[in-house]
């Protein structure tokens, strides 16, 4: 059921920047998906708490959207409102310096690319591996984003969550991280939104950090320089033994490639011929096409290797 006029007016009273009946496909990197009832750009904690309280009181569903990467939106869209973190949630601040180490407070709406540019500008080392991951801090914290053997959980010292009851602060030791996941987040903190992380980096010369970023960019372009719309790495790397080779496989892409699935296509969704762990939108892809191709790849890899691939992408 769509929102009533009264509900829309109440939401607009809380947050001035609202769009109604928004197609979500242009807001995702895969360019797939139907419409949401509304898209609300939230500027500060007071607005966010009030909005979440309203949603709880009126049984309105909500979901946070960052860059729309690593996300597959249903063809039917989302029967609720989409929240975008802006304003005070898009700030980066140095909170403390101790010798050659420093602590950064980074808003949940900050893109990982912008965070990396900030560290290059001021010569803060330790976040270079995040360069090229097309998401925002909130999603990266939730998914324990990583690349090249590094994970964001190893940088985090604290995280801020906001619910309808206000802000909650968690130290790194209170967060049960695993590979590409904050375990049981939705069950433990229902309705919570990640609005800030605190990370520890160390000082270096801007030239040194810039050179490390250049090398990572070159490596990423060589391995994943895919031009078609996509959602990033589709499956988690398995770390399981293949019955086909007897070798412990740690690359989903290698498993898919070994099963001859590069170029496999359903509708306008195809397994990339460049990197087998990427699905690409060849034109007018649908979420249904994506789900069907995902199932086909999982079944074929399971049949040939005994390994069941688990999606890394999230579904709305």
Protein backbone atom coordinates (compact mmCIF):
# COMPACT_ATOMS: atom_id res chain seq x y z
CA UNK A 1 0.00 0.00 0.00
CA UNK A 2 1.28 3.45 -0.92
CA UNK A 3 1.70 6.22 1.64
CA UNK A 4 -1.27 8.42 2.41
CA UNK A 5 -1.22 12.17 1.78
CA UNK A 6 -1.07 12.72 5.54
CA UNK A 7 1.93 10.41 5.90
CA UNK A 8 3.74 12.13 3.05
CA UNK A 9 3.10 15.53 4.61
CA UNK A 10 4.38 14.30 7.97
CA UNK A 11 7.59 12.96 6.40
CA UNK A 12 8.12 16.24 4.54
CA UNK A 13 7.71 18.10 7.84
CA UNK A 14 10.57 16.00 9.27
CA UNK A 15 12.88 16.11 6.24
CA UNK A 16 12.62 18.82 3.59
CA UNK A 17 14.41 16.90 0.81
CA UNK A 18 11.96 14.19 -0.29
CA UNK A 19 11.06 12.66 -3.67
CA UNK A 20 7.99 10.49 -4.16
CA UNK A 21 7.53 7.39 -6.35
CA UNK A 22 11.20 7.13 -7.25
CA UNK A 23 12.53 4.55 -9.71
CA UNK A 24 15.50 2.92 -7.97
CA UNK A 25 17.30 1.55 -11.04
CA UNK A 26 19.22 4.80 -11.68
CA UNK A 27 20.28 4.81 -8.02
CA UNK A 28 22.05 1.43 -8.27
CA UNK A 29 25.22 0.41 -10.08
CA UNK A 30 23.45 -2.54 -11.74
CA UNK A 31 20.73 -0.20 -13.12
CA UNK A 32 17.99 -2.66 -12.19
CA UNK A 33 14.86 -2.41 -10.07
CA UNK A 34 11.40 -0.93 -9.61
CA UNK A 35 10.22 2.09 -7.63
CA UNK A 36 10.08 3.01 -3.94
CA UNK A 37 7.29 5.03 -2.35
CA UNK A 38 9.78 7.77 -1.53
CA UNK A 39 13.42 8.75 -1.24
CA UNK A 40 14.34 10.88 1.78
CA UNK A 41 17.69 12.68 2.15
CA UNK A 42 18.42 13.04 5.87
CA UNK A 43 20.77 15.77 7.10
CA UNK A 44 21.31 15.17 10.83
CA UNK A 45 20.66 12.96 13.83
CA UNK A 46 17.51 14.76 14.94
CA UNK A 47 15.91 14.30 11.52
CA UNK A 48 16.90 10.65 11.36
CA UNK A 49 15.61 9.78 14.84
CA UNK A 50 12.31 11.56 14.14
CA UNK A 51 11.94 9.80 10.78
CA UNK A 52 12.63 6.36 12.28
CA UNK A 53 10.15 7.06 15.08
CA UNK A 54 7.52 8.01 12.49
CA UNK A 55 8.18 4.84 10.50
CA UNK A 56 7.84 2.73 13.65
CA UNK A 57 4.60 4.44 14.67
CA UNK A 58 3.02 4.08 11.22
CA UNK A 59 4.49 0.71 10.15
CA UNK A 60 6.35 2.26 7.22
CA UNK A 61 9.20 0.15 5.85
CA UNK A 62 12.55 1.82 5.24
CA UNK A 63 15.93 0.94 3.84
CA UNK A 64 19.20 2.90 3.65
CA UNK A 65 20.77 3.41 0.25
CA UNK A 66 24.35 4.49 -0.32
CA UNK A 67 25.88 4.29 -3.78
CA UNK A 68 23.56 1.40 -4.67
CA UNK A 69 26.47 -0.94 -5.28
CA UNK A 70 26.35 -4.58 -4.20
CA UNK A 71 22.56 -4.32 -4.30
CA UNK A 72 19.88 -5.98 -6.41
CA UNK A 73 16.50 -4.22 -6.24
CA UNK A 74 13.38 -6.25 -7.01
CA UNK A 75 11.55 -5.57 -10.26
CA UNK A 76 8.53 -4.80 -8.04
CA UNK A 77 10.52 -2.10 -6.25
CA UNK A 78 10.37 -1.42 -2.51
CA UNK A 79 7.11 -0.84 -0.62
CA UNK A 80 8.55 1.79 1.68
CA UNK A 81 10.94 4.73 1.82
CA UNK A 82 14.61 4.88 0.94
CA UNK A 83 16.86 6.85 3.29
CA UNK A 84 20.00 8.57 1.99
CA UNK A 85 22.50 9.91 4.56
CA UNK A 86 23.75 13.42 3.81
CA UNK A 87 24.69 16.56 5.78
CA UNK A 88 26.45 15.69 9.03
CA UNK A 89 26.54 12.06 7.95
CA UNK A 90 28.86 12.93 5.05
CA UNK A 91 31.66 14.46 7.13
CA UNK A 92 35.25 13.31 7.72
CA UNK A 93 37.10 14.62 10.78
CA UNK A 94 40.38 13.89 12.54
CA UNK A 95 39.39 13.25 16.13
CA UNK A 96 42.76 12.44 17.72
CA UNK A 97 46.46 12.27 16.92
CA UNK A 98 48.88 10.17 18.96
CA UNK A 99 52.43 10.14 17.63
CA UNK A 100 52.32 8.73 14.11
CA UNK A 101 48.79 7.34 14.55
CA UNK A 102 45.52 9.19 14.17
CA UNK A 103 41.83 8.52 14.56
CA UNK A 104 39.32 9.55 11.89
CA UNK A 105 35.56 9.90 12.37
CA UNK A 106 33.86 9.12 9.06
CA UNK A 107 30.15 9.56 8.37
CA UNK A 108 28.09 6.66 7.07
CA UNK A 109 27.20 8.60 3.92
CA UNK A 110 30.83 9.16 2.87
CA UNK A 111 31.83 7.24 -0.25
CA UNK A 112 34.88 5.01 0.05
CA UNK A 113 36.40 6.82 -2.93
CA UNK A 114 36.07 10.16 -1.14
CA UNK A 115 37.59 8.69 2.03
CA UNK A 116 40.59 7.46 0.05
CA UNK A 117 41.04 10.84 -1.63
CA UNK A 118 40.99 12.48 1.80
CA UNK A 119 43.71 10.15 3.08
CA UNK A 120 45.85 10.78 -0.01
CA UNK A 121 45.54 14.56 0.38
CA UNK A 122 46.71 14.56 3.99
CA UNK A 123 49.05 11.57 3.94
CA UNK A 124 47.09 9.12 6.10
CA UNK A 125 47.97 5.50 5.32
CA UNK A 126 46.02 2.30 5.90
CA UNK A 127 42.82 2.77 3.88
CA UNK A 128 44.25 2.40 0.39
CA UNK A 129 42.73 -1.06 -0.15
CA UNK A 130 39.26 0.52 -0.12
CA UNK A 131 39.98 2.48 -3.29
CA UNK A 132 37.72 1.38 -6.12
CA UNK A 133 35.09 -0.28 -3.92
CA UNK A 134 31.95 1.55 -5.12
CA UNK A 135 30.08 1.99 -1.88
CA UNK A 136 29.62 4.19 1.18
CA UNK A 137 30.96 3.79 4.70
CA UNK A 138 27.67 2.59 6.19
CA UNK A 139 27.41 -0.32 3.78
CA UNK A 140 31.12 -1.08 4.03
CA UNK A 141 30.89 -1.35 7.83
CA UNK A 142 27.84 -3.61 7.62
CA UNK A 143 29.39 -5.88 5.01
CA UNK A 144 32.96 -5.80 6.33
CA UNK A 145 34.13 -4.60 2.92
CA UNK A 146 37.59 -5.61 1.81
CA UNK A 147 40.02 -6.26 -1.00
CA UNK A 148 43.54 -7.56 -1.57
CA UNK A 149 43.52 -9.50 1.69
CA UNK A 150 42.45 -6.52 3.84
CA UNK A 151 39.12 -5.89 5.61
CA UNK A 152 37.60 -2.73 6.99
CA UNK A 153 37.03 -4.39 10.39
CA UNK A 154 40.78 -4.29 10.98
CA UNK A 155 40.72 -0.47 10.85
CA UNK A 156 37.60 0.15 12.91
CA UNK A 157 37.83 1.20 16.56
CA UNK A 158 34.17 2.20 17.07
CA UNK A 159 30.83 2.48 15.26
CA UNK A 160 27.74 4.66 15.81
CA UNK A 161 24.24 3.31 15.23
CA UNK A 162 21.01 5.29 15.26
CA UNK A 163 17.54 3.91 15.96
CA UNK A 164 14.23 5.56 16.82
CA UNK A 165 15.53 5.71 20.41
CA UNK A 166 18.69 7.66 19.52
CA UNK A 167 22.39 6.96 19.09
CA UNK A 168 24.29 3.91 20.31
CA UNK A 169 28.08 3.57 20.34
CA UNK A 170 29.86 0.24 19.95
CA UNK A 171 33.56 -0.49 20.33
CA UNK A 172 35.22 -2.79 17.81
CA UNK A 173 35.30 -5.56 20.41
CA UNK A 174 31.50 -5.55 20.59
CA UNK A 175 31.10 -6.24 16.87
CA UNK A 176 31.10 -9.91 15.74
CA UNK A 177 32.72 -9.62 12.32
CA UNK A 178 33.29 -12.46 9.89
CA UNK A 179 34.17 -12.61 6.19
CA UNK A 180 32.08 -9.94 4.44
CA UNK A 181 29.58 -9.72 7.27
CA UNK A 182 28.62 -8.14 10.57
CA UNK A 183 27.06 -11.27 12.02
CA UNK A 184 23.36 -11.08 12.98
CA UNK A 185 23.22 -7.29 12.65
CA UNK A 186 19.52 -7.10 11.82
CA UNK A 187 18.57 -9.51 14.59
CA UNK A 188 20.72 -7.79 17.23
CA UNK A 189 19.99 -4.19 16.22
CA UNK A 190 16.61 -4.27 14.43
CA UNK A 191 15.96 -1.10 12.47
CA UNK A 192 19.36 0.40 13.25
CA UNK A 193 21.28 2.53 10.75
CA UNK A 194 25.07 2.79 10.75
CA UNK A 195 25.85 6.50 10.73
CA UNK A 196 29.57 6.75 11.58
CA UNK A 197 32.73 4.74 12.01
CA UNK A 198 35.94 5.61 13.82
CA UNK A 199 39.11 4.21 12.27
CA UNK A 200 42.79 4.24 13.15
CA UNK A 201 45.35 5.13 10.47
CA UNK A 202 48.98 6.20 10.54
CA UNK A 203 50.79 9.17 9.09
CA UNK A 204 52.82 8.94 5.89
CA UNK A 205 53.77 11.29 3.10
CA UNK A 206 51.00 12.18 0.62
CA UNK A 207 53.28 10.96 -2.18
CA UNK A 208 53.66 7.57 -0.52
CA UNK A 209 49.90 7.12 -0.03
CA UNK A 210 49.24 8.39 -3.57
CA UNK A 211 51.67 5.86 -5.05
CA UNK A 212 50.06 2.99 -3.14
CA UNK A 213 46.65 4.09 -4.42
CA UNK A 214 48.00 4.26 -7.97
CA UNK A 215 49.26 0.68 -7.75
CA UNK A 216 45.96 -0.56 -6.35
CA UNK A 217 44.04 1.26 -9.08
CA UNK A 218 46.17 -0.37 -11.77
CA UNK A 219 45.71 -3.79 -10.20
CA UNK A 220 41.94 -3.33 -9.98
CA UNK A 221 41.67 -2.14 -13.58
CA UNK A 222 43.64 -5.12 -14.80
CA UNK A 223 41.51 -7.61 -12.87
CA UNK A 224 38.10 -5.94 -12.80
CA UNK A 225 38.04 -3.18 -15.41
CA UNK A 226 34.43 -3.92 -16.36
CA UNK A 227 32.50 -1.18 -18.14
CA UNK A 228 28.97 -2.62 -18.15
CA UNK A 229 26.67 -1.90 -15.17
CA UNK A 230 27.25 -4.45 -12.41
CA UNK A 231 27.01 -4.93 -8.65
CA UNK A 232 30.65 -5.73 -7.98
CA UNK A 233 31.76 -9.18 -6.84
CA UNK A 234 28.59 -11.29 -6.95
CA UNK A 235 29.56 -14.26 -4.76
CA UNK A 236 31.64 -14.54 -1.62
CA UNK A 237 34.96 -16.35 -2.00
CA UNK A 238 34.33 -19.83 -0.59
CA UNK A 239 37.49 -21.22 1.07
CA UNK A 240 36.24 -24.79 0.46
CA UNK A 241 37.72 -27.91 -1.13
CA UNK A 242 36.60 -28.73 -4.67
CA UNK A 243 35.67 -32.38 -5.28
CA UNK A 244 36.75 -31.81 -8.90
CA UNK A 245 40.38 -30.92 -8.15
CA UNK A 246 40.85 -31.72 -4.49
CA UNK A 247 42.22 -28.21 -4.10
CA UNK A 248 40.92 -25.70 -1.53
CA UNK A 249 39.43 -22.94 -3.65
CA UNK A 250 39.42 -19.36 -2.37
CA UNK A 251 38.18 -17.61 -5.51
CA UNK A 252 34.56 -17.67 -6.61
CA UNK A 253 35.62 -16.32 -10.00
CA UNK A 254 38.03 -19.20 -10.60
CA UNK A 255 35.36 -21.75 -9.68
CA UNK A 256 32.81 -20.22 -12.05
CA UNK A 257 35.40 -19.97 -14.81
CA UNK A 258 36.47 -23.61 -14.31
CA UNK A 259 32.85 -24.65 -14.93
CA UNK A 260 32.85 -22.90 -18.30
CA UNK A 261 30.28 -20.30 -17.28
CA UNK A 262 31.97 -17.13 -18.52
CA UNK A 263 29.64 -15.52 -21.03
CA UNK A 264 26.60 -17.48 -19.79
CA UNK A 265 23.55 -15.30 -20.30
CA UNK A 266 19.91 -15.14 -19.28
CA UNK A 267 17.94 -12.28 -20.77
CA UNK A 268 20.19 -9.22 -20.57
CA UNK A 269 22.29 -10.48 -17.63
CA UNK A 270 25.58 -12.21 -18.37
CA UNK A 271 28.51 -13.68 -16.47
CA UNK A 272 31.30 -11.31 -17.43
CA UNK A 273 33.79 -12.65 -19.95
CA UNK A 274 36.47 -10.59 -18.20
CA UNK A 275 35.90 -11.67 -14.58
CA UNK A 276 33.62 -14.62 -13.84
CA UNK A 277 32.53 -13.34 -10.43
CA UNK A 278 30.84 -10.33 -12.00
CA UNK A 279 27.35 -10.35 -13.52
CA UNK A 280 26.85 -7.53 -16.02
CA UNK A 281 23.80 -5.73 -17.39
CA UNK A 282 23.95 -5.96 -21.18
CA UNK A 283 21.04 -3.60 -21.74
CA UNK A 284 17.63 -4.09 -20.15
CA UNK A 285 18.36 -6.56 -17.37
CA UNK A 286 15.76 -7.43 -14.76
CA UNK A 287 16.10 -8.67 -11.21
CA UNK A 288 14.35 -11.86 -12.32
CA UNK A 289 17.08 -12.44 -14.93
CA UNK A 290 19.72 -11.93 -12.25
CA UNK A 291 18.09 -14.39 -9.86
CA UNK A 292 17.77 -17.02 -12.58
CA UNK A 293 21.40 -16.65 -13.63
CA UNK A 294 22.52 -16.76 -10.00
CA UNK A 295 20.65 -20.04 -9.46
CA UNK A 296 22.06 -21.53 -12.64
CA UNK A 297 25.64 -20.65 -11.67
CA UNK A 298 25.17 -21.95 -8.13
CA UNK A 299 23.71 -25.24 -9.36
CA UNK A 300 26.40 -25.80 -11.96
CA UNK A 301 29.28 -25.00 -9.61
CA UNK A 302 27.72 -27.17 -6.89
CA UNK A 303 27.27 -30.06 -9.35
CA UNK A 304 30.83 -29.94 -10.67
CA UNK A 305 32.80 -28.99 -7.54
CA UNK A 306 30.56 -29.71 -4.56
CA UNK A 307 30.89 -26.07 -3.44
CA UNK A 308 27.79 -23.93 -2.96
CA UNK A 309 28.54 -20.28 -3.70
CA UNK A 310 26.94 -17.75 -1.35
CA UNK A 311 25.91 -14.35 -2.75
CA UNK A 312 27.89 -11.35 -1.60
CA UNK A 313 25.30 -8.99 -3.09
CA UNK A 314 22.26 -7.98 -1.06
CA UNK A 315 18.68 -8.17 -2.31
CA UNK A 316 15.98 -5.55 -1.73
